[in-house]
């Protein structure tokens, strides 16, 4: 007699339960992703001879006055690079998990969290363009991000790398969603978005400024 392997829904995980559990796993994702990104800046700047200071959503490099411009640019590039490396590792783990998964467990949700580190460029571009369109910030804000600074250093339009990475980011987001069983995909997406946004608000508005001012 064959025994069917239990899945999330077979084990009593209602769709509302999937939303809640996914949201709880994604809740700390913003803090982890933000600090991980900034640690990329911090480690690189430290190795390049600067005296960086880590903040909750940025790094003050404090490089020597005689340091060549390339030193600061390498520190800028290290943040996005660290995020891409983590996100790619998550994609590899998610792809391997998906080959044998018959439902959605905590391990699978965890891999989607890591894979969606890739979503940072898309999220940042949407926030930046939306903020400028609504008049919340001036157009110069579009020149302040990591990708914008790297684009301008190479003589490109400030949004060149932001748009390129956002396009790749969108592809990864869609790919990640399709690794989730179809019957649970909507519930997973609802939990992921609500958990990540709530975690972002809490980190940026409460814990981040208190712990890493």
N, C-alpha and C. Protein backbone atom coordinates (compact mmCIF):
# COMPACT_ATOMS: atom_id res chain seq x y z
N UNK A 1 0.85 -1.19 0.00
CA UNK A 1 0.00 0.00 0.00
C UNK A 1 0.89 1.24 0.00
N UNK A 2 0.61 2.16 -0.90
CA UNK A 2 1.42 3.37 -0.99
C UNK A 2 0.94 4.39 0.02
N UNK A 3 1.88 5.13 0.54
CA UNK A 3 1.56 6.17 1.52
C UNK A 3 1.86 7.52 0.88
N UNK A 4 0.87 8.35 0.82
CA UNK A 4 1.05 9.67 0.22
C UNK A 4 1.82 10.57 1.16
N UNK A 5 2.86 11.22 0.63
CA UNK A 5 3.64 12.14 1.44
C UNK A 5 2.78 13.37 1.76
N UNK A 6 2.76 13.76 3.03
CA UNK A 6 1.90 14.88 3.43
C UNK A 6 2.43 16.19 2.89
N UNK A 7 1.52 17.07 2.56
CA UNK A 7 1.86 18.41 2.10
C UNK A 7 1.37 19.41 3.13
N UNK A 8 1.64 20.66 2.86
CA UNK A 8 1.23 21.70 3.79
C UNK A 8 -0.26 21.65 4.07
N UNK A 9 -1.07 21.59 2.99
CA UNK A 9 -2.51 21.62 3.18
C UNK A 9 -2.99 20.32 3.80
N UNK A 10 -2.33 19.17 3.49
CA UNK A 10 -2.73 17.90 4.08
C UNK A 10 -2.50 17.91 5.59
N UNK A 11 -1.52 18.68 6.04
CA UNK A 11 -1.15 18.70 7.45
C UNK A 11 -1.94 19.74 8.23
N UNK A 12 -2.94 20.31 7.62
CA UNK A 12 -3.77 21.27 8.34
C UNK A 12 -3.39 22.71 8.09
N UNK A 13 -2.49 22.97 7.15
CA UNK A 13 -2.12 24.33 6.82
C UNK A 13 -3.17 24.91 5.88
N UNK A 14 -4.11 25.67 6.40
CA UNK A 14 -5.07 26.34 5.55
C UNK A 14 -4.35 27.43 4.77
N UNK A 15 -5.03 27.98 3.78
CA UNK A 15 -4.40 29.06 3.00
C UNK A 15 -4.12 30.26 3.90
N UNK A 16 -4.98 30.52 4.87
CA UNK A 16 -4.71 31.59 5.81
C UNK A 16 -3.47 31.27 6.64
N UNK A 17 -3.30 29.99 6.97
CA UNK A 17 -2.10 29.58 7.70
C UNK A 17 -0.85 29.77 6.87
N UNK A 18 -0.94 29.51 5.56
CA UNK A 18 0.21 29.72 4.68
C UNK A 18 0.59 31.20 4.66
N UNK A 19 -0.41 32.07 4.59
CA UNK A 19 -0.15 33.51 4.61
C UNK A 19 0.56 33.90 5.92
N UNK A 20 0.05 33.40 7.06
CA UNK A 20 0.61 33.76 8.35
C UNK A 20 2.03 33.24 8.51
N UNK A 21 2.26 32.00 8.14
CA UNK A 21 3.59 31.41 8.30
C UNK A 21 4.59 32.03 7.34
N UNK A 22 4.17 32.27 6.11
CA UNK A 22 5.07 32.92 5.16
C UNK A 22 5.39 34.33 5.63
N UNK A 23 4.38 35.04 6.10
CA UNK A 23 4.60 36.40 6.60
C UNK A 23 5.55 36.44 7.77
N UNK A 24 5.44 35.45 8.66
CA UNK A 24 6.33 35.43 9.83
C UNK A 24 7.78 35.18 9.43
N UNK A 25 7.99 34.38 8.39
CA UNK A 25 9.36 34.12 7.92
C UNK A 25 9.91 35.33 7.20
N UNK A 26 9.06 36.03 6.45
CA UNK A 26 9.50 37.22 5.71
C UNK A 26 9.64 38.45 6.59
N UNK A 27 9.05 38.43 7.79
CA UNK A 27 9.06 39.61 8.64
C UNK A 27 10.47 40.15 8.92
N UNK A 28 11.45 39.28 9.26
CA UNK A 28 12.79 39.81 9.51
C UNK A 28 13.63 39.98 8.25
N UNK A 29 13.05 39.66 7.08
CA UNK A 29 13.84 39.67 5.85
C UNK A 29 14.38 41.05 5.51
N UNK A 30 13.58 42.10 5.74
CA UNK A 30 14.04 43.44 5.42
C UNK A 30 15.25 43.83 6.25
N UNK A 31 15.20 43.52 7.55
CA UNK A 31 16.33 43.85 8.42
C UNK A 31 17.57 43.05 8.02
N UNK A 32 17.38 41.75 7.79
CA UNK A 32 18.53 40.90 7.43
C UNK A 32 19.10 41.33 6.09
N UNK A 33 18.22 41.57 5.12
CA UNK A 33 18.68 41.98 3.80
C UNK A 33 19.37 43.33 3.81
N UNK A 34 18.81 44.27 4.55
CA UNK A 34 19.40 45.61 4.61
C UNK A 34 20.76 45.58 5.30
N UNK A 35 20.83 44.92 6.44
CA UNK A 35 22.10 44.86 7.16
C UNK A 35 23.13 44.07 6.35
N UNK A 36 22.69 42.98 5.70
CA UNK A 36 23.62 42.21 4.87
C UNK A 36 24.18 43.05 3.73
N UNK A 37 23.32 43.83 3.11
CA UNK A 37 23.76 44.73 2.03
C UNK A 37 24.77 45.75 2.56
N UNK A 38 24.44 46.37 3.68
CA UNK A 38 25.34 47.38 4.23
C UNK A 38 26.64 46.77 4.74
N UNK A 39 26.58 45.53 5.20
CA UNK A 39 27.83 44.86 5.61
C UNK A 39 28.75 44.65 4.43
N UNK A 40 28.17 44.45 3.24
CA UNK A 40 29.00 44.37 2.04
C UNK A 40 29.81 45.64 1.85
N UNK A 41 29.13 46.79 2.01
CA UNK A 41 29.84 48.08 1.94
C UNK A 41 30.89 48.16 3.04
N UNK A 42 30.50 47.78 4.26
CA UNK A 42 31.37 47.95 5.42
C UNK A 42 32.64 47.11 5.30
N UNK A 43 32.47 45.84 4.96
CA UNK A 43 33.64 44.94 4.85
C UNK A 43 34.58 45.41 3.75
N UNK A 44 34.02 45.75 2.61
CA UNK A 44 34.86 46.20 1.50
C UNK A 44 35.62 47.47 1.85
N UNK A 45 34.92 48.44 2.43
CA UNK A 45 35.59 49.69 2.80
C UNK A 45 36.68 49.45 3.84
N UNK A 46 36.41 48.54 4.79
CA UNK A 46 37.40 48.22 5.81
C UNK A 46 38.64 47.59 5.18
N UNK A 47 38.44 46.67 4.25
CA UNK A 47 39.56 45.99 3.61
C UNK A 47 40.36 46.94 2.73
N UNK A 48 39.70 48.00 2.26
CA UNK A 48 40.38 48.96 1.38
C UNK A 48 41.06 50.08 2.16
N UNK A 49 41.10 49.96 3.49
CA UNK A 49 41.84 50.91 4.30
C UNK A 49 41.03 52.06 4.85
N UNK A 50 39.72 51.99 4.75
CA UNK A 50 38.88 53.05 5.30
C UNK A 50 38.50 52.71 6.74
N UNK A 51 37.78 53.59 7.37
CA UNK A 51 37.30 53.35 8.74
C UNK A 51 35.77 53.47 8.74
N UNK A 52 35.08 52.52 8.12
CA UNK A 52 33.63 52.65 7.92
C UNK A 52 32.84 52.52 9.21
N UNK A 53 31.70 53.18 9.23
CA UNK A 53 30.76 53.10 10.35
C UNK A 53 29.44 52.57 9.80
N UNK A 54 28.94 51.50 10.41
CA UNK A 54 27.71 50.87 9.95
C UNK A 54 26.50 51.53 10.60
N UNK A 55 25.54 51.94 9.77
CA UNK A 55 24.26 52.47 10.24
C UNK A 55 23.15 51.50 9.83
N UNK A 56 21.92 51.78 10.23
CA UNK A 56 20.84 50.82 9.98
C UNK A 56 20.47 50.70 8.51
N UNK A 57 20.77 51.72 7.70
CA UNK A 57 20.45 51.64 6.27
C UNK A 57 21.52 52.28 5.40
N UNK A 58 22.71 52.44 5.95
CA UNK A 58 23.80 53.05 5.19
C UNK A 58 25.12 52.77 5.89
N UNK A 59 26.21 53.15 5.21
CA UNK A 59 27.55 53.05 5.78
C UNK A 59 28.28 54.36 5.51
N UNK A 60 28.90 54.91 6.53
CA UNK A 60 29.78 56.07 6.35
C UNK A 60 31.19 55.54 6.13
N UNK A 61 31.75 55.66 4.91
CA UNK A 61 33.02 54.98 4.61
C UNK A 61 34.23 55.56 5.35
N UNK A 62 34.28 56.89 5.53
CA UNK A 62 35.41 57.53 6.20
C UNK A 62 36.75 57.06 5.62
N UNK A 63 36.89 57.23 4.32
CA UNK A 63 38.15 56.87 3.66
C UNK A 63 39.17 57.99 3.81
N UNK A 64 40.46 57.67 3.75
CA UNK A 64 41.49 58.71 3.83
C UNK A 64 41.31 59.75 2.73
N UNK A 65 41.67 60.98 3.01
CA UNK A 65 41.50 62.04 2.02
C UNK A 65 42.28 61.80 0.75
N UNK A 66 43.41 61.09 0.87
CA UNK A 66 44.24 60.85 -0.30
C UNK A 66 43.89 59.53 -1.01
N UNK A 67 42.80 58.88 -0.59
CA UNK A 67 42.40 57.63 -1.23
C UNK A 67 41.89 57.90 -2.63
N UNK A 68 42.27 57.09 -3.62
CA UNK A 68 41.79 57.30 -4.99
C UNK A 68 40.29 57.07 -5.08
N UNK A 69 39.63 57.68 -6.05
CA UNK A 69 38.17 57.54 -6.19
C UNK A 69 37.73 56.08 -6.33
N UNK A 70 38.62 55.26 -6.90
CA UNK A 70 38.25 53.85 -7.12
C UNK A 70 37.97 53.13 -5.81
N UNK A 71 38.62 53.57 -4.74
CA UNK A 71 38.42 52.92 -3.45
C UNK A 71 36.97 53.07 -3.00
N UNK A 72 36.45 54.28 -3.07
CA UNK A 72 35.07 54.50 -2.66
C UNK A 72 34.10 53.79 -3.59
N UNK A 73 34.40 53.76 -4.89
CA UNK A 73 33.51 53.09 -5.84
C UNK A 73 33.46 51.58 -5.60
N UNK A 74 34.59 51.00 -5.23
CA UNK A 74 34.60 49.57 -4.90
C UNK A 74 33.75 49.31 -3.67
N UNK A 75 33.82 50.22 -2.71
CA UNK A 75 32.97 50.09 -1.53
C UNK A 75 31.50 50.20 -1.89
N UNK A 76 31.17 51.09 -2.82
CA UNK A 76 29.78 51.24 -3.27
C UNK A 76 29.31 49.97 -3.97
N UNK A 77 30.16 49.40 -4.83
CA UNK A 77 29.77 48.21 -5.60
C UNK A 77 29.60 46.98 -4.72
N UNK A 78 30.30 46.94 -3.59
CA UNK A 78 30.27 45.74 -2.75
C UNK A 78 28.90 45.48 -2.15
N UNK A 79 28.11 46.53 -1.90
CA UNK A 79 26.79 46.34 -1.33
C UNK A 79 25.86 45.58 -2.26
N UNK A 80 25.63 46.09 -3.48
CA UNK A 80 24.80 45.34 -4.43
C UNK A 80 25.35 43.96 -4.74
N UNK A 81 26.68 43.84 -4.80
CA UNK A 81 27.27 42.54 -5.11
C UNK A 81 26.96 41.52 -4.03
N UNK A 82 27.05 41.93 -2.76
CA UNK A 82 26.75 41.00 -1.67
C UNK A 82 25.29 40.56 -1.72
N UNK A 83 24.40 41.48 -2.06
CA UNK A 83 22.98 41.15 -2.17
C UNK A 83 22.73 40.17 -3.31
N UNK A 84 23.40 40.38 -4.44
CA UNK A 84 23.24 39.50 -5.60
C UNK A 84 23.77 38.10 -5.29
N UNK A 85 24.90 38.03 -4.60
CA UNK A 85 25.47 36.72 -4.25
C UNK A 85 24.51 35.96 -3.34
N UNK A 86 23.97 36.63 -2.33
CA UNK A 86 23.02 35.97 -1.42
C UNK A 86 21.77 35.54 -2.17
N UNK A 87 21.25 36.41 -3.03
CA UNK A 87 20.06 36.07 -3.79
C UNK A 87 20.28 34.91 -4.72
N UNK A 88 21.44 34.86 -5.36
CA UNK A 88 21.74 33.76 -6.26
C UNK A 88 21.88 32.44 -5.51
N UNK A 89 22.48 32.51 -4.33
CA UNK A 89 22.56 31.30 -3.48
C UNK A 89 21.16 30.82 -3.12
N UNK A 90 20.26 31.76 -2.85
CA UNK A 90 18.89 31.39 -2.55
C UNK A 90 18.19 30.75 -3.74
N UNK A 91 18.47 31.23 -4.94
CA UNK A 91 17.89 30.64 -6.15
C UNK A 91 18.35 29.20 -6.33
N UNK A 92 19.63 28.97 -6.09
CA UNK A 92 20.18 27.61 -6.22
C UNK A 92 19.51 26.69 -5.19
N UNK A 93 19.43 27.16 -3.95
CA UNK A 93 18.79 26.35 -2.91
C UNK A 93 17.33 26.10 -3.21
N UNK A 94 16.62 27.11 -3.71
CA UNK A 94 15.20 26.96 -4.02
C UNK A 94 14.98 25.98 -5.16
N UNK A 95 15.84 26.06 -6.18
CA UNK A 95 15.72 25.14 -7.31
C UNK A 95 15.94 23.70 -6.87
N UNK A 96 16.91 23.48 -5.99
CA UNK A 96 17.15 22.12 -5.50
C UNK A 96 16.01 21.64 -4.62
N UNK A 97 15.47 22.52 -3.79
CA UNK A 97 14.34 22.16 -2.93
C UNK A 97 13.11 21.81 -3.77
N UNK A 98 12.88 22.57 -4.82
CA UNK A 98 11.68 22.41 -5.61
C UNK A 98 11.62 21.08 -6.35
N UNK A 99 12.78 20.48 -6.61
CA UNK A 99 12.81 19.21 -7.34
C UNK A 99 12.14 18.07 -6.58
N UNK A 100 12.16 18.14 -5.27
CA UNK A 100 11.59 17.05 -4.47
C UNK A 100 10.39 17.49 -3.63
N UNK A 101 10.10 18.78 -3.61
CA UNK A 101 9.02 19.28 -2.76
C UNK A 101 7.66 18.90 -3.34
N UNK A 102 6.75 18.54 -2.45
CA UNK A 102 5.37 18.28 -2.85
C UNK A 102 4.41 19.24 -2.18
N UNK A 103 4.92 20.10 -1.38
CA UNK A 103 4.12 21.12 -0.71
C UNK A 103 5.00 22.31 -0.45
N UNK A 104 4.66 23.10 0.55
CA UNK A 104 5.44 24.27 0.91
C UNK A 104 5.76 24.22 2.39
N UNK A 105 7.01 23.93 2.70
CA UNK A 105 7.41 23.85 4.10
C UNK A 105 8.25 25.08 4.47
N UNK A 106 8.69 25.13 5.73
CA UNK A 106 9.45 26.28 6.18
C UNK A 106 10.78 26.41 5.43
N UNK A 107 11.36 25.29 5.06
CA UNK A 107 12.62 25.33 4.31
C UNK A 107 12.41 26.00 2.96
N UNK A 108 11.33 25.62 2.29
CA UNK A 108 11.03 26.25 1.01
C UNK A 108 10.79 27.74 1.14
N UNK A 109 10.04 28.13 2.18
CA UNK A 109 9.79 29.55 2.40
C UNK A 109 11.11 30.28 2.66
N UNK A 110 11.98 29.65 3.43
CA UNK A 110 13.27 30.27 3.72
C UNK A 110 14.10 30.50 2.47
N UNK A 111 14.09 29.53 1.56
CA UNK A 111 14.83 29.70 0.31
C UNK A 111 14.24 30.84 -0.53
N UNK A 112 12.91 31.00 -0.50
CA UNK A 112 12.32 32.12 -1.26
C UNK A 112 12.74 33.46 -0.66
N UNK A 113 12.86 33.52 0.65
CA UNK A 113 13.34 34.75 1.29
C UNK A 113 14.72 35.11 0.75
N UNK A 114 15.62 34.13 0.75
CA UNK A 114 16.98 34.40 0.30
C UNK A 114 17.02 34.72 -1.19
N UNK A 115 16.26 33.99 -2.00
CA UNK A 115 16.23 34.26 -3.44
C UNK A 115 15.75 35.68 -3.73
N UNK A 116 14.80 36.14 -2.92
CA UNK A 116 14.22 37.46 -3.17
C UNK A 116 15.08 38.59 -2.63
N UNK A 117 16.27 38.30 -2.15
CA UNK A 117 17.24 39.37 -1.95
C UNK A 117 17.47 40.09 -3.28
N UNK A 118 17.25 39.35 -4.36
CA UNK A 118 17.36 39.94 -5.69
C UNK A 118 16.34 41.04 -5.93
N UNK A 119 15.28 41.10 -5.12
CA UNK A 119 14.21 42.07 -5.37
C UNK A 119 14.61 43.50 -4.98
N UNK A 120 15.72 43.66 -4.30
CA UNK A 120 16.14 44.99 -3.84
C UNK A 120 16.19 46.03 -4.95
N UNK A 121 16.84 45.77 -6.11
CA UNK A 121 16.89 46.82 -7.15
C UNK A 121 15.51 47.23 -7.65
N UNK A 122 14.60 46.27 -7.79
CA UNK A 122 13.26 46.58 -8.25
C UNK A 122 12.51 47.42 -7.22
N UNK A 123 12.59 47.01 -5.95
CA UNK A 123 11.92 47.75 -4.88
C UNK A 123 12.46 49.17 -4.80
N UNK A 124 13.78 49.33 -4.82
CA UNK A 124 14.38 50.65 -4.71
C UNK A 124 13.98 51.56 -5.87
N UNK A 125 13.96 51.00 -7.09
CA UNK A 125 13.60 51.82 -8.25
C UNK A 125 12.15 52.28 -8.17
N UNK A 126 11.26 51.38 -7.76
CA UNK A 126 9.85 51.75 -7.62
C UNK A 126 9.68 52.85 -6.57
N UNK A 127 10.36 52.70 -5.42
CA UNK A 127 10.26 53.70 -4.35
C UNK A 127 10.84 55.03 -4.81
N UNK A 128 11.97 55.00 -5.48
CA UNK A 128 12.61 56.25 -5.92
C UNK A 128 11.74 56.98 -6.94
N UNK A 129 11.28 56.26 -7.96
CA UNK A 129 10.46 56.90 -8.99
C UNK A 129 9.13 57.38 -8.41
N UNK A 130 8.54 56.56 -7.52
CA UNK A 130 7.28 56.97 -6.90
C UNK A 130 7.44 58.19 -6.04
N UNK A 131 8.52 58.25 -5.27
CA UNK A 131 8.75 59.39 -4.40
C UNK A 131 8.95 60.68 -5.20
N UNK A 132 9.67 60.58 -6.31
CA UNK A 132 9.88 61.75 -7.16
C UNK A 132 8.56 62.16 -7.82
N UNK A 133 7.81 61.17 -8.33
CA UNK A 133 6.55 61.47 -9.00
C UNK A 133 5.54 62.13 -8.07
N UNK A 134 5.55 61.74 -6.80
CA UNK A 134 4.61 62.30 -5.82
C UNK A 134 5.12 63.60 -5.21
N UNK A 135 6.33 64.01 -5.58
CA UNK A 135 6.87 65.25 -5.06
C UNK A 135 7.41 65.15 -3.65
N UNK A 136 7.60 63.93 -3.16
CA UNK A 136 8.11 63.75 -1.81
C UNK A 136 9.60 64.09 -1.72
N UNK A 137 10.32 63.86 -2.81
CA UNK A 137 11.74 64.19 -2.88
C UNK A 137 12.01 64.81 -4.25
N UNK A 138 13.14 65.46 -4.36
CA UNK A 138 13.51 66.07 -5.63
C UNK A 138 14.12 65.07 -6.60
N UNK A 139 14.23 65.42 -7.88
CA UNK A 139 14.81 64.52 -8.88
C UNK A 139 16.24 64.09 -8.56
N UNK A 140 16.95 64.90 -7.78
CA UNK A 140 18.33 64.56 -7.44
C UNK A 140 18.41 63.27 -6.63
N UNK A 141 17.28 62.85 -6.05
CA UNK A 141 17.26 61.60 -5.28
C UNK A 141 17.59 60.41 -6.16
N UNK A 142 17.32 60.53 -7.46
CA UNK A 142 17.60 59.44 -8.39
C UNK A 142 19.09 59.23 -8.60
N UNK A 143 19.90 60.16 -8.14
CA UNK A 143 21.35 60.05 -8.29
C UNK A 143 22.03 59.56 -7.01
N UNK A 144 21.23 59.18 -6.00
CA UNK A 144 21.82 58.88 -4.71
C UNK A 144 22.05 57.42 -4.40
N UNK A 145 21.48 56.51 -5.17
CA UNK A 145 21.63 55.09 -4.87
C UNK A 145 22.95 54.51 -5.35
N UNK A 146 23.22 53.29 -4.94
CA UNK A 146 24.47 52.62 -5.33
C UNK A 146 24.58 52.49 -6.84
N UNK A 147 23.52 51.97 -7.46
CA UNK A 147 23.57 51.76 -8.91
C UNK A 147 23.71 53.08 -9.66
N UNK A 148 23.05 54.13 -9.16
CA UNK A 148 23.14 55.44 -9.81
C UNK A 148 24.57 55.98 -9.74
N UNK A 149 25.18 55.83 -8.59
CA UNK A 149 26.55 56.33 -8.43
C UNK A 149 27.52 55.58 -9.32
N UNK A 150 27.31 54.27 -9.44
CA UNK A 150 28.17 53.49 -10.32
C UNK A 150 27.93 53.84 -11.79
N UNK A 151 26.66 54.07 -12.15
CA UNK A 151 26.34 54.46 -13.52
C UNK A 151 27.01 55.77 -13.89
N UNK A 152 26.90 56.76 -13.00
CA UNK A 152 27.50 58.06 -13.29
C UNK A 152 29.02 57.98 -13.34
N UNK A 153 29.60 57.10 -12.53
CA UNK A 153 31.06 56.94 -12.56
C UNK A 153 31.53 56.40 -13.89
N UNK A 154 30.66 55.63 -14.56
CA UNK A 154 31.00 55.09 -15.88
C UNK A 154 30.51 55.97 -17.02
N UNK A 155 29.99 57.14 -16.68
CA UNK A 155 29.55 58.06 -17.70
C UNK A 155 28.19 57.74 -18.29
N UNK A 156 27.40 56.94 -17.60
CA UNK A 156 26.08 56.56 -18.09
C UNK A 156 25.01 57.41 -17.41
N UNK A 157 23.78 57.27 -17.91
CA UNK A 157 22.64 57.92 -17.26
C UNK A 157 22.50 57.35 -15.85
N UNK A 158 22.12 58.18 -14.87
CA UNK A 158 22.02 57.68 -13.49
C UNK A 158 21.13 56.46 -13.32
N UNK A 159 20.12 56.31 -14.15
CA UNK A 159 19.18 55.19 -14.00
C UNK A 159 19.58 53.96 -14.82
N UNK A 160 20.69 54.02 -15.54
CA UNK A 160 21.05 52.92 -16.44
C UNK A 160 21.16 51.59 -15.71
N UNK A 161 22.00 51.53 -14.70
CA UNK A 161 22.17 50.28 -13.96
C UNK A 161 20.95 49.96 -13.11
N UNK A 162 20.29 50.98 -12.60
CA UNK A 162 19.09 50.73 -11.80
C UNK A 162 18.03 50.02 -12.61
N UNK A 163 17.81 50.46 -13.84
CA UNK A 163 16.80 49.83 -14.70
C UNK A 163 17.24 48.43 -15.11
N UNK A 164 18.52 48.28 -15.45
CA UNK A 164 19.02 46.96 -15.86
C UNK A 164 18.87 45.94 -14.74
N UNK A 165 19.27 46.31 -13.53
CA UNK A 165 19.17 45.37 -12.41
C UNK A 165 17.72 45.17 -11.98
N UNK A 166 16.89 46.20 -12.11
CA UNK A 166 15.48 46.05 -11.78
C UNK A 166 14.80 45.06 -12.73
N UNK A 167 15.20 45.08 -14.01
CA UNK A 167 14.64 44.13 -14.98
C UNK A 167 15.03 42.70 -14.61
N UNK A 168 16.30 42.50 -14.25
CA UNK A 168 16.73 41.17 -13.81
C UNK A 168 16.02 40.78 -12.53
N UNK A 169 15.85 41.76 -11.64
CA UNK A 169 15.15 41.52 -10.37
C UNK A 169 13.73 41.04 -10.61
N UNK A 170 13.02 41.68 -11.54
CA UNK A 170 11.66 41.29 -11.86
C UNK A 170 11.62 39.85 -12.36
N UNK A 171 12.59 39.50 -13.19
CA UNK A 171 12.66 38.13 -13.69
C UNK A 171 12.84 37.12 -12.56
N UNK A 172 13.68 37.44 -11.59
CA UNK A 172 13.91 36.54 -10.46
C UNK A 172 12.66 36.43 -9.60
N UNK A 173 11.96 37.55 -9.40
CA UNK A 173 10.74 37.53 -8.59
C UNK A 173 9.70 36.60 -9.23
N UNK A 174 9.53 36.73 -10.55
CA UNK A 174 8.56 35.87 -11.25
C UNK A 174 8.99 34.41 -11.19
N UNK A 175 10.28 34.17 -11.41
CA UNK A 175 10.79 32.79 -11.36
C UNK A 175 10.58 32.19 -9.97
N UNK A 176 10.85 32.97 -8.94
CA UNK A 176 10.68 32.48 -7.57
C UNK A 176 9.23 32.11 -7.30
N UNK A 177 8.31 32.95 -7.73
CA UNK A 177 6.89 32.67 -7.51
C UNK A 177 6.47 31.36 -8.17
N UNK A 178 7.05 31.07 -9.33
CA UNK A 178 6.65 29.86 -10.04
C UNK A 178 7.30 28.59 -9.48
N UNK A 179 8.16 28.74 -8.50
CA UNK A 179 8.68 27.56 -7.82
C UNK A 179 7.73 27.08 -6.73
N UNK A 180 6.75 27.91 -6.39
CA UNK A 180 5.76 27.58 -5.36
C UNK A 180 4.61 26.81 -6.00
N UNK A 181 4.12 25.75 -5.36
CA UNK A 181 2.97 25.02 -5.91
C UNK A 181 1.83 25.99 -6.24
N UNK A 182 1.22 25.78 -7.40
CA UNK A 182 0.22 26.73 -7.90
C UNK A 182 -0.90 26.98 -6.90
N UNK A 183 -1.36 25.94 -6.22
CA UNK A 183 -2.49 26.09 -5.32
C UNK A 183 -2.16 26.96 -4.10
N UNK A 184 -0.86 27.12 -3.83
CA UNK A 184 -0.45 27.91 -2.66
C UNK A 184 0.22 29.22 -3.06
N UNK A 185 0.37 29.46 -4.35
CA UNK A 185 1.16 30.60 -4.82
C UNK A 185 0.59 31.93 -4.35
N UNK A 186 -0.73 32.10 -4.45
CA UNK A 186 -1.35 33.35 -4.02
C UNK A 186 -1.19 33.60 -2.54
N UNK A 187 -1.36 32.55 -1.75
CA UNK A 187 -1.23 32.68 -0.30
C UNK A 187 0.22 32.99 0.08
N UNK A 188 1.15 32.33 -0.60
CA UNK A 188 2.56 32.61 -0.36
C UNK A 188 2.88 34.06 -0.70
N UNK A 189 2.39 34.54 -1.85
CA UNK A 189 2.67 35.91 -2.27
C UNK A 189 2.10 36.92 -1.29
N UNK A 190 0.87 36.66 -0.81
CA UNK A 190 0.25 37.58 0.15
C UNK A 190 1.07 37.64 1.44
N UNK A 191 1.52 36.48 1.91
CA UNK A 191 2.33 36.46 3.13
C UNK A 191 3.69 37.11 2.93
N UNK A 192 4.30 36.85 1.76
CA UNK A 192 5.62 37.41 1.50
C UNK A 192 5.58 38.93 1.43
N UNK A 193 4.61 39.47 0.70
CA UNK A 193 4.52 40.92 0.54
C UNK A 193 4.17 41.59 1.86
N UNK A 194 3.15 41.07 2.57
CA UNK A 194 2.74 41.69 3.83
C UNK A 194 3.83 41.59 4.88
N UNK A 195 4.48 40.43 4.98
CA UNK A 195 5.54 40.26 5.97
C UNK A 195 6.74 41.14 5.68
N UNK A 196 7.16 41.19 4.41
CA UNK A 196 8.33 41.98 4.05
C UNK A 196 8.07 43.47 4.25
N UNK A 197 6.89 43.96 3.87
CA UNK A 197 6.59 45.38 4.03
C UNK A 197 6.48 45.75 5.51
N UNK A 198 5.86 44.88 6.30
CA UNK A 198 5.76 45.15 7.73
C UNK A 198 7.14 45.16 8.37
N UNK A 199 7.98 44.19 7.99
CA UNK A 199 9.33 44.14 8.54
C UNK A 199 10.14 45.35 8.13
N UNK A 200 9.97 45.80 6.89
CA UNK A 200 10.68 46.99 6.41
C UNK A 200 10.29 48.22 7.22
N UNK A 201 8.99 48.37 7.46
CA UNK A 201 8.51 49.53 8.22
C UNK A 201 9.03 49.50 9.65
N UNK A 202 9.01 48.33 10.26
CA UNK A 202 9.47 48.21 11.65
C UNK A 202 10.98 48.46 11.75
N UNK A 203 11.74 47.90 10.81
CA UNK A 203 13.20 48.08 10.85
C UNK A 203 13.58 49.54 10.60
N UNK A 204 13.02 50.12 9.53
CA UNK A 204 13.40 51.48 9.16
C UNK A 204 12.85 52.52 10.15
N UNK A 205 11.72 52.21 10.78
CA UNK A 205 11.09 53.21 11.63
C UNK A 205 11.30 53.04 13.11
N UNK A 206 11.68 51.81 13.54
CA UNK A 206 11.77 51.56 14.99
C UNK A 206 13.13 50.99 15.38
N UNK A 207 13.35 49.73 15.04
CA UNK A 207 14.52 49.04 15.55
C UNK A 207 15.82 49.51 14.92
N UNK A 208 15.81 49.73 13.61
CA UNK A 208 17.04 50.16 12.94
C UNK A 208 17.64 51.42 13.53
N UNK A 209 16.86 52.52 13.60
CA UNK A 209 17.42 53.76 14.17
C UNK A 209 17.84 53.61 15.63
N UNK A 210 17.19 52.70 16.36
CA UNK A 210 17.53 52.53 17.78
C UNK A 210 18.81 51.72 17.95
N UNK A 211 19.01 50.70 17.12
CA UNK A 211 20.14 49.80 17.28
C UNK A 211 21.38 50.22 16.50
N UNK A 212 21.16 50.78 15.30
CA UNK A 212 22.29 51.18 14.46
C UNK A 212 22.05 52.60 13.93
N UNK A 213 22.05 53.58 14.80
CA UNK A 213 21.73 54.97 14.38
C UNK A 213 22.74 55.52 13.38
